[in-house]
Amino acid sequence: MKIDDLKVGKLIYTIQADDANGEILESATEDKPRVMMFGVGRIMKSFSDGLRGLEAGDSFAFTIAPDEAFGWHSDEKVMEAPLSIFMEDGQMREDLLVVGNIIKLQDKNGHPFDGKIIEIFEDHVVMDFNHPLAGHSLFVKGKVLEVREPTIEEMDEEVEYRKNHGHHCHHHEHGHNCEGGNCDSCHN
């Protein structure tokens, strides 16, 4: 059986920044392999595409370009924000106001995103909303351990996930899992 839509793959892999010598960003090992369902919108499309058609026992190594990973660094995503966003119960959160801090925020629809403080002024801060890996390629290397049909429980879990999260992914964990470009290991 080959990796394709609505198939479940069990994989071991490493994902590294830029190339085979780059920082290890994520790994799945023999004792902790990663099990994922393909074609349901929760795996980075470029990651999924690199595995499509592989079978149990196949090894893989490929590079995901920045365009297909976390995008390029954009000056438009570096913005000024009012200090008022650091107010809580009428008090300024001085502990958060530190250059280099990553601040967890939500958009008007409640979707989480991160911003990094890069400068602090009297009445505003300058924040970088680019993904930390913007501009970097991802080097992926590993092996397919198993490919199978999903269980009824896995399909039910997917249906439940879609009920709770909608049909499109948003920024989630640091694992690289997002068909369509924005999900589990997400970017943008």
N, C-alpha and C. Protein backbone atom coordinates (compact mmCIF):
# COMPACT_ATOMS: atom_id res chain seq x y z
N MET A 1 0.85 -1.17 0.00
CA MET A 1 0.00 0.00 0.00
C MET A 1 0.90 1.24 0.00
N LYS A 2 0.47 2.25 -0.73
CA LYS A 2 1.26 3.48 -0.88
C LYS A 2 0.62 4.64 -0.12
N ILE A 3 1.46 5.58 0.30
CA ILE A 3 0.95 6.79 0.95
C ILE A 3 0.14 7.58 -0.07
N ASP A 4 -1.09 7.90 0.31
CA ASP A 4 -1.99 8.65 -0.54
C ASP A 4 -3.07 9.23 0.37
N ASP A 5 -4.02 9.95 -0.23
CA ASP A 5 -5.12 10.52 0.56
C ASP A 5 -5.87 9.44 1.30
N LEU A 6 -6.23 9.75 2.54
CA LEU A 6 -6.98 8.86 3.42
C LEU A 6 -6.26 7.56 3.72
N LYS A 7 -4.94 7.63 3.74
CA LYS A 7 -4.11 6.53 4.20
C LYS A 7 -3.36 7.02 5.43
N VAL A 8 -3.02 6.09 6.30
CA VAL A 8 -2.28 6.42 7.51
C VAL A 8 -0.86 5.90 7.36
N GLY A 9 0.10 6.77 7.62
CA GLY A 9 1.50 6.37 7.55
C GLY A 9 2.15 6.45 8.92
N LYS A 10 3.01 5.49 9.21
CA LYS A 10 3.83 5.52 10.42
C LYS A 10 5.25 5.78 9.94
N LEU A 11 5.85 6.87 10.42
CA LEU A 11 7.13 7.34 9.90
C LEU A 11 8.14 7.59 11.01
N ILE A 12 9.41 7.45 10.64
CA ILE A 12 10.50 8.01 11.45
C ILE A 12 11.17 9.04 10.55
N TYR A 13 11.58 10.17 11.14
CA TYR A 13 12.18 11.22 10.32
C TYR A 13 12.84 12.27 11.18
N THR A 14 13.64 13.10 10.53
CA THR A 14 14.14 14.33 11.12
C THR A 14 13.83 15.45 10.14
N ILE A 15 13.52 16.60 10.69
CA ILE A 15 13.34 17.81 9.89
C ILE A 15 14.38 18.79 10.40
N GLN A 16 15.20 19.29 9.47
CA GLN A 16 16.28 20.20 9.84
C GLN A 16 16.15 21.51 9.09
N ALA A 17 16.59 22.58 9.73
CA ALA A 17 16.59 23.90 9.09
C ALA A 17 17.65 23.92 8.00
N ASP A 18 17.27 24.33 6.83
CA ASP A 18 18.13 24.59 5.68
C ASP A 18 18.65 23.34 4.97
N ASP A 19 19.41 22.49 5.67
CA ASP A 19 20.01 21.33 5.00
C ASP A 19 20.33 20.25 6.02
N ALA A 20 21.03 19.20 5.58
CA ALA A 20 21.33 18.05 6.44
C ALA A 20 22.23 18.42 7.62
N ASN A 21 22.85 19.59 7.59
CA ASN A 21 23.70 20.03 8.70
C ASN A 21 22.99 21.02 9.62
N GLY A 22 21.75 21.37 9.28
CA GLY A 22 21.03 22.39 10.04
C GLY A 22 20.49 21.89 11.37
N GLU A 23 19.99 22.83 12.13
CA GLU A 23 19.40 22.53 13.44
C GLU A 23 18.23 21.55 13.27
N ILE A 24 18.17 20.55 14.13
CA ILE A 24 17.05 19.61 14.10
C ILE A 24 15.84 20.30 14.72
N LEU A 25 14.78 20.42 13.92
CA LEU A 25 13.57 21.10 14.36
C LEU A 25 12.54 20.14 14.92
N GLU A 26 12.52 18.93 14.37
CA GLU A 26 11.56 17.93 14.80
C GLU A 26 12.08 16.57 14.41
N SER A 27 11.77 15.57 15.23
CA SER A 27 12.15 14.22 14.85
C SER A 27 11.14 13.22 15.39
N ALA A 28 11.03 12.13 14.69
CA ALA A 28 10.23 10.99 15.11
C ALA A 28 11.16 9.79 15.02
N THR A 29 11.30 9.05 16.10
CA THR A 29 12.29 7.98 16.18
C THR A 29 11.61 6.61 16.18
N GLU A 30 12.42 5.56 16.08
CA GLU A 30 11.91 4.18 16.10
C GLU A 30 11.05 3.94 17.34
N ASP A 31 11.50 4.44 18.49
CA ASP A 31 10.72 4.21 19.72
C ASP A 31 9.54 5.18 19.86
N LYS A 32 9.54 6.26 19.09
CA LYS A 32 8.43 7.22 19.08
C LYS A 32 8.15 7.66 17.65
N PRO A 33 7.67 6.74 16.81
CA PRO A 33 7.37 7.12 15.42
C PRO A 33 6.16 8.04 15.36
N ARG A 34 6.00 8.72 14.25
CA ARG A 34 4.85 9.62 14.04
C ARG A 34 3.83 8.92 13.16
N VAL A 35 2.59 8.91 13.59
CA VAL A 35 1.49 8.33 12.82
C VAL A 35 0.62 9.48 12.35
N MET A 36 0.37 9.54 11.04
CA MET A 36 -0.41 10.65 10.49
C MET A 36 -1.30 10.19 9.35
N MET A 37 -2.46 10.83 9.26
CA MET A 37 -3.39 10.55 8.16
C MET A 37 -3.16 11.59 7.07
N PHE A 38 -3.06 11.12 5.85
CA PHE A 38 -2.78 11.99 4.71
C PHE A 38 -4.07 12.40 4.02
N GLY A 39 -4.04 13.59 3.41
CA GLY A 39 -5.14 14.05 2.58
C GLY A 39 -6.32 14.63 3.32
N VAL A 40 -6.13 14.99 4.58
CA VAL A 40 -7.25 15.54 5.36
C VAL A 40 -6.99 16.98 5.79
N GLY A 41 -5.89 17.57 5.31
CA GLY A 41 -5.64 18.97 5.58
C GLY A 41 -4.86 19.28 6.83
N ARG A 42 -4.27 18.28 7.46
CA ARG A 42 -3.53 18.54 8.69
C ARG A 42 -2.03 18.31 8.54
N ILE A 43 -1.58 18.05 7.31
CA ILE A 43 -0.16 17.85 7.05
C ILE A 43 0.27 18.88 6.02
N MET A 44 1.40 19.54 6.27
CA MET A 44 1.93 20.51 5.31
C MET A 44 1.95 19.86 3.94
N LYS A 45 1.34 20.50 2.96
CA LYS A 45 1.20 19.93 1.62
C LYS A 45 2.55 19.52 1.03
N SER A 46 3.55 20.35 1.17
CA SER A 46 4.86 20.04 0.60
C SER A 46 5.50 18.83 1.30
N PHE A 47 5.22 18.64 2.58
CA PHE A 47 5.69 17.47 3.31
C PHE A 47 4.96 16.23 2.78
N SER A 48 3.65 16.33 2.69
CA SER A 48 2.82 15.24 2.18
C SER A 48 3.21 14.86 0.76
N ASP A 49 3.41 15.86 -0.10
CA ASP A 49 3.79 15.61 -1.50
C ASP A 49 5.11 14.85 -1.60
N GLY A 50 6.03 15.13 -0.70
CA GLY A 50 7.33 14.45 -0.70
C GLY A 50 7.24 12.99 -0.31
N LEU A 51 6.13 12.61 0.31
CA LEU A 51 5.95 11.23 0.77
C LEU A 51 4.96 10.43 -0.08
N ARG A 52 4.15 11.14 -0.84
CA ARG A 52 3.10 10.49 -1.65
C ARG A 52 3.70 9.40 -2.55
N GLY A 53 3.07 8.23 -2.53
CA GLY A 53 3.51 7.12 -3.37
C GLY A 53 4.52 6.19 -2.71
N LEU A 54 5.03 6.57 -1.54
CA LEU A 54 6.00 5.71 -0.85
C LEU A 54 5.29 4.57 -0.13
N GLU A 55 6.02 3.47 0.07
CA GLU A 55 5.48 2.28 0.74
C GLU A 55 6.31 1.97 1.98
N ALA A 56 5.80 1.06 2.80
CA ALA A 56 6.54 0.61 3.98
C ALA A 56 7.92 0.13 3.54
N GLY A 57 8.95 0.56 4.27
CA GLY A 57 10.32 0.20 3.96
C GLY A 57 11.06 1.23 3.12
N ASP A 58 10.33 2.13 2.46
CA ASP A 58 10.98 3.16 1.63
C ASP A 58 11.63 4.23 2.49
N SER A 59 12.83 4.62 2.09
CA SER A 59 13.50 5.76 2.72
C SER A 59 13.24 7.00 1.88
N PHE A 60 13.38 8.16 2.50
CA PHE A 60 13.15 9.41 1.77
C PHE A 60 14.08 10.49 2.28
N ALA A 61 14.38 11.42 1.40
CA ALA A 61 15.12 12.64 1.75
C ALA A 61 14.74 13.68 0.71
N PHE A 62 14.28 14.83 1.18
CA PHE A 62 13.91 15.90 0.25
C PHE A 62 13.99 17.23 0.98
N THR A 63 14.03 18.29 0.20
CA THR A 63 14.10 19.64 0.73
C THR A 63 12.81 20.37 0.37
N ILE A 64 12.26 21.07 1.33
CA ILE A 64 11.09 21.90 1.11
C ILE A 64 11.57 23.35 1.06
N ALA A 65 11.33 24.00 -0.06
CA ALA A 65 11.77 25.39 -0.24
C ALA A 65 10.98 26.32 0.67
N PRO A 66 11.54 27.49 1.01
CA PRO A 66 10.84 28.43 1.88
C PRO A 66 9.43 28.76 1.41
N ASP A 67 9.23 28.86 0.08
CA ASP A 67 7.89 29.17 -0.46
C ASP A 67 6.87 28.13 -0.02
N GLU A 68 7.30 26.89 0.12
CA GLU A 68 6.41 25.78 0.46
C GLU A 68 6.46 25.43 1.94
N ALA A 69 7.27 26.13 2.70
CA ALA A 69 7.40 25.86 4.13
C ALA A 69 6.78 27.02 4.92
N PHE A 70 7.60 27.92 5.39
CA PHE A 70 7.12 29.01 6.23
C PHE A 70 7.18 30.36 5.54
N GLY A 71 7.39 30.34 4.23
CA GLY A 71 7.42 31.58 3.47
C GLY A 71 8.73 32.33 3.64
N TRP A 72 8.77 33.48 3.02
CA TRP A 72 9.94 34.35 3.09
C TRP A 72 9.70 35.41 4.16
N HIS A 73 10.75 35.95 4.71
CA HIS A 73 10.62 37.04 5.67
C HIS A 73 10.01 38.23 4.94
N SER A 74 9.01 38.84 5.55
CA SER A 74 8.32 39.98 4.94
C SER A 74 8.38 41.18 5.88
N ASP A 75 8.87 42.31 5.35
CA ASP A 75 8.90 43.54 6.15
C ASP A 75 7.48 43.98 6.53
N GLU A 76 6.49 43.57 5.74
CA GLU A 76 5.10 43.93 6.05
C GLU A 76 4.60 43.25 7.32
N LYS A 77 5.29 42.20 7.75
CA LYS A 77 4.89 41.50 8.98
C LYS A 77 5.65 42.02 10.20
N VAL A 78 6.41 43.08 10.03
CA VAL A 78 7.06 43.78 11.14
C VAL A 78 6.24 45.04 11.36
N MET A 79 5.58 45.13 12.52
CA MET A 79 4.61 46.21 12.75
C MET A 79 4.74 46.82 14.13
N GLU A 80 4.21 48.01 14.22
CA GLU A 80 4.10 48.67 15.52
C GLU A 80 2.80 48.23 16.18
N ALA A 81 2.86 48.02 17.49
CA ALA A 81 1.67 47.66 18.25
C ALA A 81 1.60 48.57 19.47
N PRO A 82 0.41 48.98 19.87
CA PRO A 82 0.30 49.86 21.03
C PRO A 82 0.67 49.10 22.31
N LEU A 83 1.22 49.84 23.25
CA LEU A 83 1.56 49.22 24.54
C LEU A 83 0.33 48.65 25.24
N SER A 84 -0.84 49.15 24.88
CA SER A 84 -2.07 48.70 25.55
C SER A 84 -2.30 47.20 25.41
N ILE A 85 -1.70 46.56 24.40
CA ILE A 85 -1.90 45.12 24.28
C ILE A 85 -1.21 44.35 25.41
N PHE A 86 -0.35 45.06 26.16
CA PHE A 86 0.35 44.44 27.27
C PHE A 86 -0.29 44.77 28.62
N MET A 87 -1.51 45.35 28.56
CA MET A 87 -2.25 45.67 29.78
C MET A 87 -3.11 44.48 30.17
N GLU A 88 -3.13 44.18 31.45
CA GLU A 88 -3.99 43.13 31.97
C GLU A 88 -4.56 43.62 33.29
N ASP A 89 -5.88 43.69 33.36
CA ASP A 89 -6.56 44.19 34.57
C ASP A 89 -6.04 45.57 34.97
N GLY A 90 -5.82 46.43 33.97
CA GLY A 90 -5.38 47.80 34.23
C GLY A 90 -3.91 47.94 34.57
N GLN A 91 -3.17 46.87 34.57
CA GLN A 91 -1.74 46.89 34.90
C GLN A 91 -0.90 46.51 33.68
N MET A 92 0.22 47.20 33.52
CA MET A 92 1.14 46.89 32.44
C MET A 92 1.90 45.61 32.79
N ARG A 93 1.95 44.65 31.86
CA ARG A 93 2.66 43.38 32.07
C ARG A 93 4.13 43.58 31.70
N GLU A 94 4.88 44.19 32.61
CA GLU A 94 6.30 44.47 32.39
C GLU A 94 7.10 43.20 32.10
N ASP A 95 6.66 42.08 32.69
CA ASP A 95 7.36 40.82 32.49
C ASP A 95 7.33 40.36 31.02
N LEU A 96 6.33 40.82 30.29
CA LEU A 96 6.23 40.47 28.87
C LEU A 96 7.02 41.43 27.99
N LEU A 97 7.20 42.66 28.47
CA LEU A 97 7.86 43.70 27.67
C LEU A 97 9.37 43.55 27.71
N VAL A 98 9.86 42.55 26.98
CA VAL A 98 11.28 42.27 26.91
C VAL A 98 11.63 41.99 25.45
N VAL A 99 12.63 42.70 24.94
CA VAL A 99 13.06 42.46 23.56
C VAL A 99 13.44 40.98 23.41
N GLY A 100 12.91 40.36 22.37
CA GLY A 100 13.17 38.95 22.11
C GLY A 100 12.05 38.03 22.58
N ASN A 101 11.17 38.54 23.46
CA ASN A 101 10.06 37.71 23.92
C ASN A 101 9.12 37.37 22.77
N ILE A 102 8.66 36.15 22.78
CA ILE A 102 7.63 35.71 21.84
C ILE A 102 6.30 35.82 22.59
N ILE A 103 5.40 36.59 22.05
CA ILE A 103 4.11 36.85 22.68
C ILE A 103 3.02 36.08 21.94
N LYS A 104 2.23 35.34 22.69
CA LYS A 104 1.09 34.61 22.12
C LYS A 104 -0.09 35.57 22.02
N LEU A 105 -0.63 35.73 20.81
CA LEU A 105 -1.75 36.63 20.56
C LEU A 105 -2.85 35.87 19.83
N GLN A 106 -4.01 36.50 19.68
CA GLN A 106 -5.12 35.94 18.91
C GLN A 106 -5.64 36.99 17.96
N ASP A 107 -6.06 36.54 16.77
CA ASP A 107 -6.68 37.47 15.85
C ASP A 107 -8.15 37.65 16.24
N LYS A 108 -8.89 38.46 15.49
CA LYS A 108 -10.27 38.77 15.85
C LYS A 108 -11.18 37.54 15.79
N ASN A 109 -10.72 36.48 15.10
CA ASN A 109 -11.50 35.24 15.04
C ASN A 109 -11.06 34.22 16.08
N GLY A 110 -10.14 34.62 16.96
CA GLY A 110 -9.69 33.72 18.02
C GLY A 110 -8.58 32.78 17.62
N HIS A 111 -8.01 32.95 16.42
CA HIS A 111 -6.92 32.09 15.97
C HIS A 111 -5.60 32.58 16.57
N PRO A 112 -4.84 31.68 17.18
CA PRO A 112 -3.59 32.09 17.82
C PRO A 112 -2.47 32.36 16.80
N PHE A 113 -1.60 33.29 17.16
CA PHE A 113 -0.40 33.55 16.38
C PHE A 113 0.63 34.16 17.32
N ASP A 114 1.89 34.12 16.91
CA ASP A 114 2.99 34.62 17.74
C ASP A 114 3.58 35.90 17.15
N GLY A 115 4.05 36.74 18.03
CA GLY A 115 4.77 37.94 17.63
C GLY A 115 6.00 38.08 18.51
N LYS A 116 7.10 38.48 17.91
CA LYS A 116 8.36 38.65 18.65
C LYS A 116 8.62 40.13 18.84
N ILE A 117 8.88 40.53 20.07
CA ILE A 117 9.20 41.94 20.37
C ILE A 117 10.62 42.21 19.89
N ILE A 118 10.74 43.22 19.01
CA ILE A 118 12.09 43.55 18.53
C ILE A 118 12.57 44.93 18.98
N GLU A 119 11.62 45.83 19.33
CA GLU A 119 11.99 47.14 19.89
C GLU A 119 10.86 47.62 20.79
N ILE A 120 11.24 48.36 21.85
CA ILE A 120 10.25 48.91 22.77
C ILE A 120 10.44 50.42 22.85
N PHE A 121 9.32 51.15 22.69
CA PHE A 121 9.33 52.61 22.78
C PHE A 121 8.37 53.04 23.87
N GLU A 122 8.27 54.35 24.12
CA GLU A 122 7.40 54.86 25.20
C GLU A 122 5.95 54.49 25.03
N ASP A 123 5.45 54.53 23.80
CA ASP A 123 4.02 54.31 23.59
C ASP A 123 3.68 53.12 22.69
N HIS A 124 4.69 52.45 22.18
CA HIS A 124 4.43 51.30 21.31
C HIS A 124 5.62 50.35 21.31
N VAL A 125 5.40 49.18 20.75
CA VAL A 125 6.48 48.22 20.54
C VAL A 125 6.50 47.87 19.06
N VAL A 126 7.66 47.45 18.59
CA VAL A 126 7.77 46.94 17.23
C VAL A 126 7.85 45.43 17.35
N MET A 127 6.95 44.77 16.63
CA MET A 127 6.87 43.31 16.71
C MET A 127 7.04 42.69 15.33
N ASP A 128 7.67 41.53 15.31
CA ASP A 128 7.87 40.77 14.09
C ASP A 128 6.92 39.58 14.12
N PHE A 129 6.00 39.55 13.15
CA PHE A 129 5.01 38.48 13.07
C PHE A 129 5.37 37.43 12.02
N ASN A 130 6.59 37.50 11.49
CA ASN A 130 7.05 36.45 10.59
C ASN A 130 7.27 35.18 11.41
N HIS A 131 7.06 34.03 10.79
CA HIS A 131 7.38 32.77 11.46
C HIS A 131 8.89 32.75 11.70
N PRO A 132 9.35 32.21 12.81
CA PRO A 132 10.80 32.17 13.08
C PRO A 132 11.60 31.47 11.99
N LEU A 133 10.96 30.58 11.22
CA LEU A 133 11.67 29.88 10.16
C LEU A 133 11.42 30.48 8.78
N ALA A 134 10.82 31.67 8.73
CA ALA A 134 10.61 32.33 7.44
C ALA A 134 11.96 32.50 6.76
N GLY A 135 12.00 32.17 5.47
CA GLY A 135 13.23 32.28 4.70
C GLY A 135 14.10 31.05 4.74
N HIS A 136 13.74 30.06 5.55
CA HIS A 136 14.54 28.84 5.65
C HIS A 136 13.88 27.69 4.88
N SER A 137 14.72 26.87 4.27
CA SER A 137 14.25 25.61 3.70
C SER A 137 14.16 24.59 4.83
N LEU A 138 13.46 23.50 4.57
CA LEU A 138 13.39 22.39 5.52
C LEU A 138 13.96 21.16 4.83
N PHE A 139 14.90 20.51 5.48
CA PHE A 139 15.45 19.25 4.96
C PHE A 139 14.81 18.11 5.74
N VAL A 140 14.17 17.20 5.01
CA VAL A 140 13.42 16.10 5.61
C VAL A 140 14.06 14.79 5.19
N LYS A 141 14.32 13.93 6.17
CA LYS A 141 14.94 12.64 5.89
C LYS A 141 14.34 11.61 6.82
N GLY A 142 14.02 10.42 6.27
CA GLY A 142 13.47 9.40 7.15
C GLY A 142 13.11 8.13 6.42
N LYS A 143 12.18 7.38 7.04
CA LYS A 143 11.78 6.07 6.50
C LYS A 143 10.32 5.83 6.82
N VAL A 144 9.61 5.22 5.88
CA VAL A 144 8.22 4.83 6.08
C VAL A 144 8.23 3.46 6.74
N LEU A 145 7.61 3.35 7.91
CA LEU A 145 7.55 2.07 8.61
C LEU A 145 6.31 1.27 8.23
N GLU A 146 5.20 1.98 7.98
CA GLU A 146 3.94 1.30 7.72
C GLU A 146 3.00 2.24 6.96
N VAL A 147 2.18 1.69 6.10
CA VAL A 147 1.10 2.42 5.44
C VAL A 147 -0.13 1.53 5.53
N ARG A 148 -1.26 2.11 5.97
CA ARG A 148 -2.47 1.32 6.16
C ARG A 148 -3.71 2.19 5.98
N GLU A 149 -4.84 1.52 5.96
CA GLU A 149 -6.13 2.21 5.96
C GLU A 149 -6.36 2.79 7.36
N PRO A 150 -7.07 3.91 7.47
CA PRO A 150 -7.37 4.44 8.81
C PRO A 150 -8.40 3.55 9.51
N THR A 151 -8.32 3.54 10.83
CA THR A 151 -9.31 2.83 11.62
C THR A 151 -10.58 3.69 11.71
N ILE A 152 -11.65 3.08 12.13
CA ILE A 152 -12.91 3.82 12.33
C ILE A 152 -12.67 4.91 13.38
N GLU A 153 -11.90 4.60 14.42
CA GLU A 153 -11.61 5.58 15.47
C GLU A 153 -10.85 6.78 14.90
N GLU A 154 -9.88 6.53 14.02
CA GLU A 154 -9.12 7.62 13.42
C GLU A 154 -10.02 8.49 12.53
N MET A 155 -10.91 7.86 11.79
CA MET A 155 -11.84 8.64 10.96
C MET A 155 -12.79 9.45 11.84
N ASP A 156 -13.29 8.84 12.92
CA ASP A 156 -14.16 9.56 13.86
C ASP A 156 -13.42 10.74 14.48
N GLU A 157 -12.16 10.52 14.83
CA GLU A 157 -11.33 11.59 15.42
C GLU A 157 -11.18 12.75 14.43
N GLU A 158 -11.00 12.43 13.16
CA GLU A 158 -10.86 13.47 12.14
C GLU A 158 -12.16 14.26 11.99
N VAL A 159 -13.28 13.56 11.98
CA VAL A 159 -14.58 14.23 11.90
C VAL A 159 -14.76 15.16 13.09
N GLU A 160 -14.42 14.69 14.28
CA GLU A 160 -14.54 15.50 15.50
C GLU A 160 -13.62 16.71 15.44
N TYR A 161 -12.40 16.50 14.96
CA TYR A 161 -11.44 17.60 14.83
C TYR A 161 -12.01 18.69 13.92
N ARG A 162 -12.56 18.29 12.78
CA ARG A 162 -13.13 19.26 11.84
C ARG A 162 -14.32 20.00 12.44
N LYS A 163 -15.11 19.33 13.25
CA LYS A 163 -16.23 19.99 13.92
C LYS A 163 -15.72 21.10 14.83
N ASN A 164 -14.65 20.80 15.55
CA ASN A 164 -14.11 21.74 16.54
C ASN A 164 -13.19 22.80 15.95
N HIS A 165 -12.55 22.51 14.83
CA HIS A 165 -11.55 23.43 14.28
C HIS A 165 -11.89 23.94 12.89
N GLY A 166 -12.97 23.50 12.31
CA GLY A 166 -13.30 23.92 10.95
C GLY A 166 -12.50 23.14 9.94
N HIS A 167 -12.67 23.48 8.68
CA HIS A 167 -12.02 22.73 7.61
C HIS A 167 -10.62 23.23 7.30
N HIS A 168 -10.24 24.37 7.84
CA HIS A 168 -8.91 24.91 7.54
C HIS A 168 -8.09 24.94 8.81
N CYS A 169 -6.83 24.68 8.65
CA CYS A 169 -5.93 24.66 9.79
C CYS A 169 -5.47 26.06 10.14
N HIS A 170 -5.00 26.19 11.32
CA HIS A 170 -4.42 27.43 11.81
C HIS A 170 -3.13 27.07 12.52
N HIS A 171 -2.47 28.02 13.07
CA HIS A 171 -1.19 27.77 13.70
C HIS A 171 -1.36 26.82 14.89
N HIS A 172 -0.63 25.70 14.87
CA HIS A 172 -0.69 24.72 15.94
C HIS A 172 0.71 24.41 16.45
N GLU A 173 0.95 23.18 16.76
CA GLU A 173 2.21 22.75 17.31
C GLU A 173 3.37 22.98 16.35
N HIS A 174 4.59 22.73 16.81
CA HIS A 174 5.76 22.96 15.98
C HIS A 174 6.08 21.75 15.10
N GLY A 175 5.23 20.75 15.04
CA GLY A 175 5.42 19.63 14.12
C GLY A 175 5.07 20.12 12.74
N HIS A 176 5.57 19.50 11.71
CA HIS A 176 5.35 20.01 10.37
C HIS A 176 4.24 19.24 9.69
N ASN A 177 3.00 19.65 9.94
CA ASN A 177 1.86 18.90 9.46
C ASN A 177 0.77 19.79 8.95
N CYS A 178 0.81 20.15 7.71
CA CYS A 178 -0.22 21.07 7.27
C CYS A 178 -0.45 21.09 5.79
N GLU A 179 -1.31 20.26 5.28
CA GLU A 179 -1.67 20.35 3.88
C GLU A 179 -2.34 21.67 3.64
N GLY A 180 -2.09 22.25 2.51
CA GLY A 180 -2.67 23.54 2.20
C GLY A 180 -1.85 24.66 2.80
N GLY A 181 -0.83 24.34 3.58
CA GLY A 181 0.11 25.33 4.02
C GLY A 181 -0.02 25.86 5.41
N ASN A 182 -1.07 25.60 6.17
CA ASN A 182 -1.18 26.23 7.47
C ASN A 182 -1.68 25.28 8.54
N CYS A 183 -0.83 24.43 9.06
CA CYS A 183 -1.39 23.57 10.09
C CYS A 183 -0.42 23.04 11.09
N ASP A 184 -0.72 21.85 11.63
CA ASP A 184 -0.08 21.30 12.81
C ASP A 184 1.31 21.83 13.02
N SER A 185 2.11 21.80 12.13
CA SER A 185 3.40 22.36 12.37
C SER A 185 3.46 23.68 11.73
N CYS A 186 2.74 24.32 11.74
CA CYS A 186 2.28 25.37 10.92
C CYS A 186 3.18 26.54 10.68
N HIS A 187 2.68 27.26 9.77
CA HIS A 187 3.35 28.49 9.38
C HIS A 187 2.31 29.49 8.92
N ASN A 188 2.82 30.68 8.62
CA ASN A 188 2.04 31.84 8.16
C ASN A 188 1.21 32.41 9.26
